[in-house]
N, C-alpha and C. Protein backbone atom coordinates (compact mmCIF):
# COMPACT_ATOMS: atom_id res chain seq x y z
N UNK A 1 0.82 -1.19 0.00
CA UNK A 1 0.00 0.00 0.00
C UNK A 1 0.87 1.26 0.00
N UNK A 2 2.02 1.20 0.67
CA UNK A 2 2.89 2.36 0.71
C UNK A 2 3.28 2.79 -0.70
N UNK A 3 3.58 1.82 -1.58
CA UNK A 3 4.01 2.14 -2.93
C UNK A 3 2.91 2.87 -3.68
N UNK A 4 1.65 2.42 -3.54
CA UNK A 4 0.52 3.11 -4.20
C UNK A 4 0.43 4.53 -3.68
N UNK A 5 0.53 4.72 -2.37
CA UNK A 5 0.46 6.08 -1.82
C UNK A 5 1.60 6.94 -2.32
N UNK A 6 2.80 6.37 -2.39
CA UNK A 6 3.96 7.11 -2.88
C UNK A 6 3.74 7.51 -4.34
N UNK A 7 3.24 6.56 -5.13
CA UNK A 7 2.96 6.85 -6.54
C UNK A 7 2.00 8.02 -6.66
N UNK A 8 0.96 7.99 -5.86
CA UNK A 8 -0.05 9.05 -5.90
C UNK A 8 0.57 10.41 -5.65
N UNK A 9 1.52 10.48 -4.75
CA UNK A 9 2.12 11.76 -4.41
C UNK A 9 3.26 12.18 -5.34
N UNK A 10 3.98 11.21 -5.91
CA UNK A 10 5.22 11.54 -6.59
C UNK A 10 5.35 11.07 -8.03
N UNK A 11 4.56 10.11 -8.43
CA UNK A 11 4.84 9.43 -9.69
C UNK A 11 3.93 9.93 -10.81
N UNK A 12 4.50 10.59 -11.75
CA UNK A 12 3.76 10.99 -12.93
C UNK A 12 4.23 10.15 -14.11
N UNK A 13 5.50 9.87 -14.19
CA UNK A 13 6.05 9.02 -15.24
C UNK A 13 6.42 7.68 -14.63
N UNK A 14 5.72 6.64 -15.04
CA UNK A 14 5.90 5.33 -14.45
C UNK A 14 6.14 4.29 -15.52
N UNK A 15 7.00 3.35 -15.21
CA UNK A 15 7.26 2.23 -16.09
C UNK A 15 6.84 0.97 -15.37
N UNK A 16 6.09 0.10 -16.06
CA UNK A 16 5.63 -1.17 -15.51
C UNK A 16 6.29 -2.27 -16.31
N UNK A 17 7.31 -2.89 -15.74
CA UNK A 17 8.09 -3.93 -16.43
C UNK A 17 7.45 -5.28 -16.15
N UNK A 18 7.19 -6.04 -17.21
CA UNK A 18 6.46 -7.29 -17.06
C UNK A 18 5.02 -6.98 -16.75
N UNK A 19 4.41 -6.13 -17.57
CA UNK A 19 3.08 -5.58 -17.27
C UNK A 19 1.95 -6.60 -17.39
N UNK A 20 2.21 -7.76 -17.98
CA UNK A 20 1.20 -8.82 -18.02
C UNK A 20 -0.10 -8.35 -18.65
N UNK A 21 -1.19 -8.48 -17.92
CA UNK A 21 -2.51 -8.13 -18.44
C UNK A 21 -2.75 -6.63 -18.48
N UNK A 22 -1.87 -5.84 -17.89
CA UNK A 22 -2.01 -4.39 -17.89
C UNK A 22 -2.77 -3.84 -16.70
N UNK A 23 -3.25 -4.73 -15.84
CA UNK A 23 -4.07 -4.32 -14.70
C UNK A 23 -3.37 -3.26 -13.84
N UNK A 24 -2.13 -3.53 -13.44
CA UNK A 24 -1.40 -2.62 -12.56
C UNK A 24 -1.19 -1.26 -13.24
N UNK A 25 -0.88 -1.26 -14.51
CA UNK A 25 -0.67 0.00 -15.25
C UNK A 25 -1.93 0.85 -15.22
N UNK A 26 -3.08 0.23 -15.45
CA UNK A 26 -4.35 0.95 -15.46
C UNK A 26 -4.71 1.45 -14.06
N UNK A 27 -4.51 0.60 -13.04
CA UNK A 27 -4.80 1.01 -11.66
C UNK A 27 -3.99 2.24 -11.28
N UNK A 28 -2.71 2.23 -11.58
CA UNK A 28 -1.85 3.36 -11.23
C UNK A 28 -2.27 4.62 -11.98
N UNK A 29 -2.54 4.50 -13.28
CA UNK A 29 -2.96 5.68 -14.06
C UNK A 29 -4.26 6.25 -13.51
N UNK A 30 -5.24 5.39 -13.22
CA UNK A 30 -6.51 5.87 -12.66
C UNK A 30 -6.29 6.53 -11.31
N UNK A 31 -5.45 5.95 -10.49
CA UNK A 31 -5.17 6.50 -9.17
C UNK A 31 -4.59 7.90 -9.29
N UNK A 32 -3.65 8.07 -10.20
CA UNK A 32 -3.04 9.39 -10.40
C UNK A 32 -4.07 10.39 -10.94
N UNK A 33 -4.85 9.97 -11.94
CA UNK A 33 -5.85 10.86 -12.54
C UNK A 33 -6.83 11.36 -11.48
N UNK A 34 -7.28 10.46 -10.62
CA UNK A 34 -8.28 10.85 -9.62
C UNK A 34 -7.68 11.55 -8.40
N UNK A 35 -6.43 11.26 -8.07
CA UNK A 35 -5.82 11.86 -6.88
C UNK A 35 -5.10 13.17 -7.18
N UNK A 36 -4.58 13.29 -8.39
CA UNK A 36 -3.86 14.50 -8.79
C UNK A 36 -4.46 15.01 -10.10
N UNK A 37 -5.65 15.59 -10.05
CA UNK A 37 -6.35 15.96 -11.28
C UNK A 37 -5.61 16.94 -12.18
N UNK A 38 -4.66 17.68 -11.65
CA UNK A 38 -3.90 18.63 -12.47
C UNK A 38 -2.69 18.00 -13.14
N UNK A 39 -2.44 16.73 -12.86
CA UNK A 39 -1.29 16.02 -13.42
C UNK A 39 -1.75 15.05 -14.49
N UNK A 40 -0.93 14.85 -15.48
CA UNK A 40 -1.22 13.88 -16.54
C UNK A 40 -0.23 12.73 -16.41
N UNK A 41 -0.72 11.56 -15.99
CA UNK A 41 0.19 10.43 -15.83
C UNK A 41 0.72 9.94 -17.16
N UNK A 42 1.83 9.28 -17.12
CA UNK A 42 2.42 8.62 -18.29
C UNK A 42 2.91 7.27 -17.80
N UNK A 43 2.08 6.25 -18.00
CA UNK A 43 2.39 4.90 -17.55
C UNK A 43 2.66 4.05 -18.78
N UNK A 44 3.84 3.44 -18.81
CA UNK A 44 4.21 2.61 -19.95
C UNK A 44 4.38 1.18 -19.44
N UNK A 45 3.53 0.29 -19.96
CA UNK A 45 3.63 -1.13 -19.62
C UNK A 45 4.48 -1.82 -20.67
N UNK A 46 5.53 -2.47 -20.24
CA UNK A 46 6.41 -3.21 -21.15
C UNK A 46 6.26 -4.69 -20.85
N UNK A 47 5.90 -5.45 -21.86
CA UNK A 47 5.65 -6.89 -21.69
C UNK A 47 6.31 -7.64 -22.83
N UNK A 48 6.99 -8.73 -22.52
CA UNK A 48 7.71 -9.50 -23.52
C UNK A 48 6.77 -10.32 -24.42
N UNK A 49 5.60 -10.66 -23.92
CA UNK A 49 4.63 -11.47 -24.68
C UNK A 49 3.68 -10.58 -25.48
N UNK A 50 3.79 -10.57 -26.82
CA UNK A 50 2.91 -9.73 -27.63
C UNK A 50 1.42 -10.01 -27.42
N UNK A 51 1.08 -11.27 -27.16
CA UNK A 51 -0.33 -11.60 -26.91
C UNK A 51 -0.87 -10.93 -25.67
N UNK A 52 -0.05 -10.82 -24.63
CA UNK A 52 -0.48 -10.13 -23.42
C UNK A 52 -0.62 -8.63 -23.66
N UNK A 53 0.21 -8.08 -24.51
CA UNK A 53 0.09 -6.66 -24.85
C UNK A 53 -1.23 -6.41 -25.58
N UNK A 54 -1.55 -7.26 -26.53
CA UNK A 54 -2.84 -7.13 -27.24
C UNK A 54 -4.00 -7.25 -26.26
N UNK A 55 -3.90 -8.21 -25.33
CA UNK A 55 -4.94 -8.39 -24.32
C UNK A 55 -5.04 -7.15 -23.42
N UNK A 56 -3.89 -6.58 -23.04
CA UNK A 56 -3.88 -5.38 -22.20
C UNK A 56 -4.61 -4.23 -22.88
N UNK A 57 -4.33 -4.04 -24.14
CA UNK A 57 -4.97 -2.96 -24.90
C UNK A 57 -6.46 -3.21 -25.02
N UNK A 58 -6.84 -4.45 -25.34
CA UNK A 58 -8.26 -4.79 -25.48
C UNK A 58 -8.99 -4.59 -24.15
N UNK A 59 -8.41 -5.06 -23.06
CA UNK A 59 -9.04 -4.90 -21.75
C UNK A 59 -9.16 -3.44 -21.35
N UNK A 60 -8.12 -2.67 -21.60
CA UNK A 60 -8.14 -1.25 -21.26
C UNK A 60 -9.18 -0.51 -22.09
N UNK A 61 -9.31 -0.89 -23.35
CA UNK A 61 -10.32 -0.27 -24.22
C UNK A 61 -11.74 -0.52 -23.73
N UNK A 62 -11.98 -1.62 -23.03
CA UNK A 62 -13.32 -1.95 -22.55
C UNK A 62 -13.81 -0.97 -21.49
N UNK A 63 -12.96 -0.64 -20.53
CA UNK A 63 -13.44 0.18 -19.43
C UNK A 63 -12.67 1.45 -19.16
N UNK A 64 -11.55 1.61 -19.83
CA UNK A 64 -10.68 2.76 -19.54
C UNK A 64 -10.09 3.34 -20.82
N UNK A 65 -10.89 3.37 -21.86
CA UNK A 65 -10.43 3.78 -23.19
C UNK A 65 -9.76 5.15 -23.17
N UNK A 66 -10.28 6.06 -22.36
CA UNK A 66 -9.73 7.42 -22.33
C UNK A 66 -8.26 7.43 -21.91
N UNK A 67 -7.85 6.45 -21.08
CA UNK A 67 -6.44 6.38 -20.67
C UNK A 67 -5.53 6.14 -21.87
N UNK A 68 -6.00 5.30 -22.79
CA UNK A 68 -5.23 5.05 -24.02
C UNK A 68 -5.32 6.25 -24.96
N UNK A 69 -6.53 6.80 -25.12
CA UNK A 69 -6.72 7.93 -26.04
C UNK A 69 -5.91 9.15 -25.63
N UNK A 70 -5.82 9.38 -24.35
CA UNK A 70 -5.07 10.54 -23.85
C UNK A 70 -3.61 10.24 -23.60
N UNK A 71 -3.19 9.02 -23.96
CA UNK A 71 -1.79 8.58 -23.81
C UNK A 71 -1.33 8.57 -22.36
N UNK A 72 -2.28 8.38 -21.44
CA UNK A 72 -1.93 8.22 -20.03
C UNK A 72 -1.33 6.84 -19.79
N UNK A 73 -1.80 5.86 -20.57
CA UNK A 73 -1.30 4.49 -20.50
C UNK A 73 -0.96 4.04 -21.90
N UNK A 74 0.18 3.40 -22.04
CA UNK A 74 0.56 2.77 -23.30
C UNK A 74 1.21 1.44 -22.98
N UNK A 75 1.05 0.51 -23.90
CA UNK A 75 1.64 -0.82 -23.73
C UNK A 75 2.57 -1.09 -24.89
N UNK A 76 3.74 -1.63 -24.57
CA UNK A 76 4.78 -1.90 -25.56
C UNK A 76 5.18 -3.36 -25.46
N UNK A 77 5.24 -4.04 -26.60
CA UNK A 77 5.70 -5.42 -26.63
C UNK A 77 7.20 -5.43 -26.87
N UNK A 78 7.90 -6.19 -26.06
CA UNK A 78 9.33 -6.32 -26.27
C UNK A 78 10.08 -6.65 -25.01
N UNK A 79 11.32 -7.01 -25.18
CA UNK A 79 12.20 -7.27 -24.05
C UNK A 79 12.59 -5.91 -23.47
N UNK A 80 12.44 -5.76 -22.19
CA UNK A 80 12.54 -4.45 -21.55
C UNK A 80 13.85 -3.73 -21.87
N UNK A 81 14.97 -4.41 -21.84
CA UNK A 81 16.24 -3.73 -22.07
C UNK A 81 16.39 -3.30 -23.53
N UNK A 82 15.82 -4.06 -24.45
CA UNK A 82 15.84 -3.66 -25.86
C UNK A 82 14.93 -2.45 -26.08
N UNK A 83 13.75 -2.47 -25.46
CA UNK A 83 12.82 -1.35 -25.59
C UNK A 83 13.45 -0.08 -25.05
N UNK A 84 14.11 -0.17 -23.90
CA UNK A 84 14.68 1.02 -23.27
C UNK A 84 15.90 1.54 -24.01
N UNK A 85 16.59 0.69 -24.72
CA UNK A 85 17.79 1.15 -25.43
C UNK A 85 17.52 1.57 -26.87
N UNK A 86 16.29 1.40 -27.33
CA UNK A 86 15.94 1.75 -28.71
C UNK A 86 15.58 3.23 -28.78
N UNK A 87 16.49 4.05 -29.23
CA UNK A 87 16.27 5.49 -29.30
C UNK A 87 15.17 5.88 -30.28
N UNK A 88 14.80 4.97 -31.18
CA UNK A 88 13.74 5.26 -32.14
C UNK A 88 12.36 4.99 -31.56
N UNK A 89 12.29 4.38 -30.40
CA UNK A 89 11.02 4.00 -29.80
C UNK A 89 10.32 5.23 -29.23
N UNK A 90 9.20 5.61 -29.82
CA UNK A 90 8.50 6.82 -29.40
C UNK A 90 7.85 6.69 -28.03
N UNK A 91 7.72 5.48 -27.53
CA UNK A 91 7.04 5.27 -26.26
C UNK A 91 7.93 5.47 -25.05
N UNK A 92 9.22 5.53 -25.27
CA UNK A 92 10.14 5.42 -24.14
C UNK A 92 10.72 6.77 -23.74
N UNK A 93 10.49 7.13 -22.49
CA UNK A 93 11.23 8.21 -21.87
C UNK A 93 12.41 7.54 -21.17
N UNK A 94 13.49 8.24 -21.08
CA UNK A 94 14.68 7.60 -20.52
C UNK A 94 14.67 7.55 -19.00
N UNK A 95 13.98 8.45 -18.34
CA UNK A 95 13.99 8.47 -16.88
C UNK A 95 12.55 8.45 -16.36
N UNK A 96 12.35 7.75 -15.25
CA UNK A 96 11.01 7.57 -14.70
C UNK A 96 10.98 7.95 -13.23
N UNK A 97 9.80 8.41 -12.78
CA UNK A 97 9.59 8.69 -11.37
C UNK A 97 9.56 7.39 -10.58
N UNK A 98 8.97 6.38 -11.17
CA UNK A 98 8.90 5.09 -10.49
C UNK A 98 8.85 3.95 -11.50
N UNK A 99 9.30 2.81 -11.03
CA UNK A 99 9.32 1.60 -11.84
C UNK A 99 8.73 0.48 -10.99
N UNK A 100 7.77 -0.22 -11.55
CA UNK A 100 7.22 -1.41 -10.92
C UNK A 100 7.66 -2.59 -11.77
N UNK A 101 8.26 -3.58 -11.16
CA UNK A 101 8.66 -4.79 -11.87
C UNK A 101 7.74 -5.91 -11.41
N UNK A 102 7.04 -6.51 -12.37
CA UNK A 102 6.04 -7.51 -12.06
C UNK A 102 6.53 -8.94 -12.22
N UNK A 103 7.83 -9.15 -12.11
CA UNK A 103 8.38 -10.50 -12.20
C UNK A 103 9.68 -10.56 -11.39
N UNK A 104 9.95 -11.75 -10.86
CA UNK A 104 11.17 -11.92 -10.07
C UNK A 104 12.39 -11.60 -10.92
N UNK A 105 13.32 -10.86 -10.35
CA UNK A 105 14.45 -10.34 -11.10
C UNK A 105 15.78 -10.65 -10.43
N UNK A 106 16.81 -10.66 -11.23
CA UNK A 106 18.16 -10.89 -10.71
C UNK A 106 18.75 -9.56 -10.24
N UNK A 107 19.83 -9.66 -9.50
CA UNK A 107 20.56 -8.46 -9.06
C UNK A 107 21.04 -7.68 -10.28
N UNK A 108 21.52 -8.36 -11.31
CA UNK A 108 21.98 -7.66 -12.52
C UNK A 108 20.84 -6.91 -13.20
N UNK A 109 19.65 -7.53 -13.29
CA UNK A 109 18.51 -6.84 -13.89
C UNK A 109 18.14 -5.61 -13.07
N UNK A 110 18.14 -5.75 -11.75
CA UNK A 110 17.85 -4.61 -10.87
C UNK A 110 18.85 -3.48 -11.09
N UNK A 111 20.13 -3.84 -11.20
CA UNK A 111 21.17 -2.81 -11.36
C UNK A 111 21.02 -2.06 -12.67
N UNK A 112 20.55 -2.72 -13.72
CA UNK A 112 20.33 -2.03 -14.99
C UNK A 112 19.07 -1.16 -14.90
N UNK A 113 17.98 -1.73 -14.40
CA UNK A 113 16.71 -1.01 -14.36
C UNK A 113 16.76 0.23 -13.46
N UNK A 114 17.49 0.16 -12.36
CA UNK A 114 17.51 1.30 -11.44
C UNK A 114 18.13 2.54 -12.08
N UNK A 115 18.94 2.37 -13.11
CA UNK A 115 19.54 3.52 -13.79
C UNK A 115 18.53 4.32 -14.60
N UNK A 116 17.31 3.81 -14.76
CA UNK A 116 16.25 4.53 -15.45
C UNK A 116 15.38 5.33 -14.50
N UNK A 117 15.73 5.34 -13.21
CA UNK A 117 15.01 6.15 -12.23
C UNK A 117 15.55 7.57 -12.22
N UNK A 118 14.65 8.53 -12.10
CA UNK A 118 15.07 9.90 -11.85
C UNK A 118 15.62 9.98 -10.43
N UNK A 119 16.43 10.98 -10.15
CA UNK A 119 16.88 11.19 -8.77
C UNK A 119 15.63 11.46 -7.92
N UNK A 120 15.52 10.73 -6.83
CA UNK A 120 14.34 10.80 -5.98
C UNK A 120 13.29 9.76 -6.35
N UNK A 121 13.51 9.05 -7.46
CA UNK A 121 12.56 8.04 -7.92
C UNK A 121 12.68 6.75 -7.15
N UNK A 122 11.63 5.92 -7.29
CA UNK A 122 11.56 4.67 -6.55
C UNK A 122 11.20 3.51 -7.48
N UNK A 123 11.82 2.37 -7.21
CA UNK A 123 11.49 1.14 -7.93
C UNK A 123 11.11 0.09 -6.90
N UNK A 124 10.04 -0.63 -7.19
CA UNK A 124 9.66 -1.79 -6.38
C UNK A 124 9.90 -3.01 -7.25
N UNK A 125 10.70 -3.96 -6.74
CA UNK A 125 11.15 -5.07 -7.56
C UNK A 125 11.24 -6.34 -6.71
N UNK A 126 10.63 -7.44 -7.18
CA UNK A 126 10.81 -8.71 -6.50
C UNK A 126 12.19 -9.26 -6.87
N UNK A 127 13.07 -9.31 -5.90
CA UNK A 127 14.48 -9.62 -6.15
C UNK A 127 14.81 -11.03 -5.68
N UNK A 128 15.30 -11.85 -6.63
CA UNK A 128 15.69 -13.22 -6.30
C UNK A 128 16.96 -13.21 -5.46
N UNK A 129 16.97 -14.08 -4.44
CA UNK A 129 18.16 -14.29 -3.62
C UNK A 129 18.56 -15.75 -3.78
N UNK A 130 19.51 -16.02 -4.69
CA UNK A 130 19.89 -17.41 -4.96
C UNK A 130 20.43 -18.14 -3.73
N UNK A 131 21.03 -17.42 -2.81
CA UNK A 131 21.60 -18.05 -1.62
C UNK A 131 20.52 -18.69 -0.75
N UNK A 132 19.33 -18.09 -0.72
CA UNK A 132 18.24 -18.61 0.12
C UNK A 132 17.10 -19.19 -0.70
N UNK A 133 17.21 -19.16 -2.03
CA UNK A 133 16.14 -19.62 -2.93
C UNK A 133 14.82 -18.93 -2.62
N UNK A 134 14.90 -17.66 -2.30
CA UNK A 134 13.69 -16.89 -2.01
C UNK A 134 13.66 -15.62 -2.84
N UNK A 135 12.52 -14.98 -2.84
CA UNK A 135 12.33 -13.71 -3.54
C UNK A 135 11.86 -12.68 -2.53
N UNK A 136 12.49 -11.53 -2.51
CA UNK A 136 12.17 -10.48 -1.54
C UNK A 136 11.73 -9.23 -2.30
N UNK A 137 10.54 -8.71 -1.96
CA UNK A 137 10.09 -7.45 -2.53
C UNK A 137 11.01 -6.37 -1.97
N UNK A 138 11.66 -5.66 -2.88
CA UNK A 138 12.68 -4.69 -2.48
C UNK A 138 12.34 -3.32 -3.06
N UNK A 139 12.50 -2.30 -2.24
CA UNK A 139 12.28 -0.93 -2.68
C UNK A 139 13.64 -0.29 -2.92
N UNK A 140 13.83 0.23 -4.12
CA UNK A 140 15.09 0.89 -4.48
C UNK A 140 14.79 2.36 -4.73
N UNK A 141 15.49 3.24 -4.04
CA UNK A 141 15.31 4.68 -4.21
C UNK A 141 16.61 5.27 -4.73
N UNK A 142 16.50 6.10 -5.77
CA UNK A 142 17.68 6.77 -6.31
C UNK A 142 17.88 8.07 -5.54
N UNK A 143 19.02 8.17 -4.86
CA UNK A 143 19.30 9.33 -4.03
C UNK A 143 20.16 10.38 -4.72
N UNK A 144 20.98 9.92 -5.67
CA UNK A 144 21.84 10.83 -6.41
C UNK A 144 22.20 10.14 -7.73
N UNK A 145 23.02 10.78 -8.54
CA UNK A 145 23.38 10.21 -9.83
C UNK A 145 23.88 8.77 -9.70
N UNK A 146 24.71 8.51 -8.71
CA UNK A 146 25.27 7.17 -8.53
C UNK A 146 24.89 6.53 -7.20
N UNK A 147 23.99 7.17 -6.45
CA UNK A 147 23.63 6.66 -5.13
C UNK A 147 22.23 6.08 -5.07
N UNK A 148 22.13 4.87 -4.55
CA UNK A 148 20.85 4.18 -4.43
C UNK A 148 20.70 3.62 -3.03
N UNK A 149 19.49 3.63 -2.52
CA UNK A 149 19.19 3.01 -1.24
C UNK A 149 18.25 1.83 -1.51
N UNK A 150 18.57 0.67 -0.93
CA UNK A 150 17.74 -0.51 -1.12
C UNK A 150 17.18 -0.94 0.22
N UNK A 151 15.89 -1.24 0.21
CA UNK A 151 15.22 -1.65 1.43
C UNK A 151 14.39 -2.90 1.16
N UNK A 152 14.91 -4.09 1.57
CA UNK A 152 14.12 -5.30 1.41
C UNK A 152 12.90 -5.24 2.32
N UNK A 153 11.77 -5.79 1.85
CA UNK A 153 10.54 -5.65 2.61
C UNK A 153 9.97 -7.01 3.03
N UNK A 154 9.33 -7.72 2.11
CA UNK A 154 8.67 -8.98 2.47
C UNK A 154 9.03 -10.06 1.47
N UNK A 155 8.93 -11.31 1.91
CA UNK A 155 9.15 -12.44 1.01
C UNK A 155 7.92 -12.61 0.15
N UNK A 156 8.14 -12.85 -1.15
CA UNK A 156 7.04 -12.98 -2.11
C UNK A 156 7.34 -14.13 -3.08
N UNK A 157 6.37 -14.48 -3.90
CA UNK A 157 6.55 -15.46 -4.98
C UNK A 157 6.15 -14.80 -6.29
N UNK A 158 7.05 -14.80 -7.26
CA UNK A 158 6.79 -14.23 -8.59
C UNK A 158 7.40 -15.16 -9.63
N UNK A 159 6.86 -15.11 -10.85
CA UNK A 159 7.51 -15.80 -11.96
C UNK A 159 8.74 -14.98 -12.34
N UNK A 160 9.73 -15.61 -12.96
CA UNK A 160 10.96 -14.87 -13.31
C UNK A 160 10.73 -13.87 -14.46
N UNK A 161 11.47 -12.77 -14.41
CA UNK A 161 11.48 -11.79 -15.49
C UNK A 161 12.27 -12.39 -16.64
N UNK A 162 11.60 -12.61 -17.76
CA UNK A 162 12.25 -13.21 -18.91
C UNK A 162 13.06 -12.16 -19.65
N UNK A 163 14.20 -12.62 -20.13
CA UNK A 163 15.07 -11.74 -20.89
C UNK A 163 15.87 -12.56 -21.88
N UNK A 164 15.99 -12.03 -23.07
CA UNK A 164 16.81 -12.69 -24.08
C UNK A 164 18.22 -12.12 -24.10
N UNK A 165 18.46 -11.13 -23.25
CA UNK A 165 19.75 -10.44 -23.21
C UNK A 165 20.52 -10.90 -22.00
N UNK A 166 21.77 -11.24 -22.19
CA UNK A 166 22.64 -11.60 -21.07
C UNK A 166 23.18 -10.34 -20.42
N UNK A 167 23.03 -10.25 -19.12
CA UNK A 167 23.51 -9.07 -18.38
C UNK A 167 24.70 -9.48 -17.56
């Protein structure tokens, strides 16, 4: 719940990695629209499965079409690191207020993704710990250009974040 409250107060540009059905992207955009009416959210859901992206768009069109029409929410199919490094991609801003990762991630994936946070930005990421075979929901806050604070929170279960790129 803390992350939703933080998003409401601070997050206008959000990236949802492993966005799946798009539910979280839509919830966050609606929350921002209703809580900060003078702000225009920009939520980008990135999902590796093109079928899930099509489903996300179809589902959003059913009940939240204005979010797509006003570009408050957009969904992109592709591997997250390829999407973020493609300078021709019109959907991608290079820095985000917050990042939500919807799949268990490695330390290397976390280290790459955190560099897309603005200073003061926050990422919530389920982080695999191979030593204990567990996954811990971790909050990463960017404090300066090269400074990050990490705060592990609770043990969770997530499917792994798929990637075709070796990090």
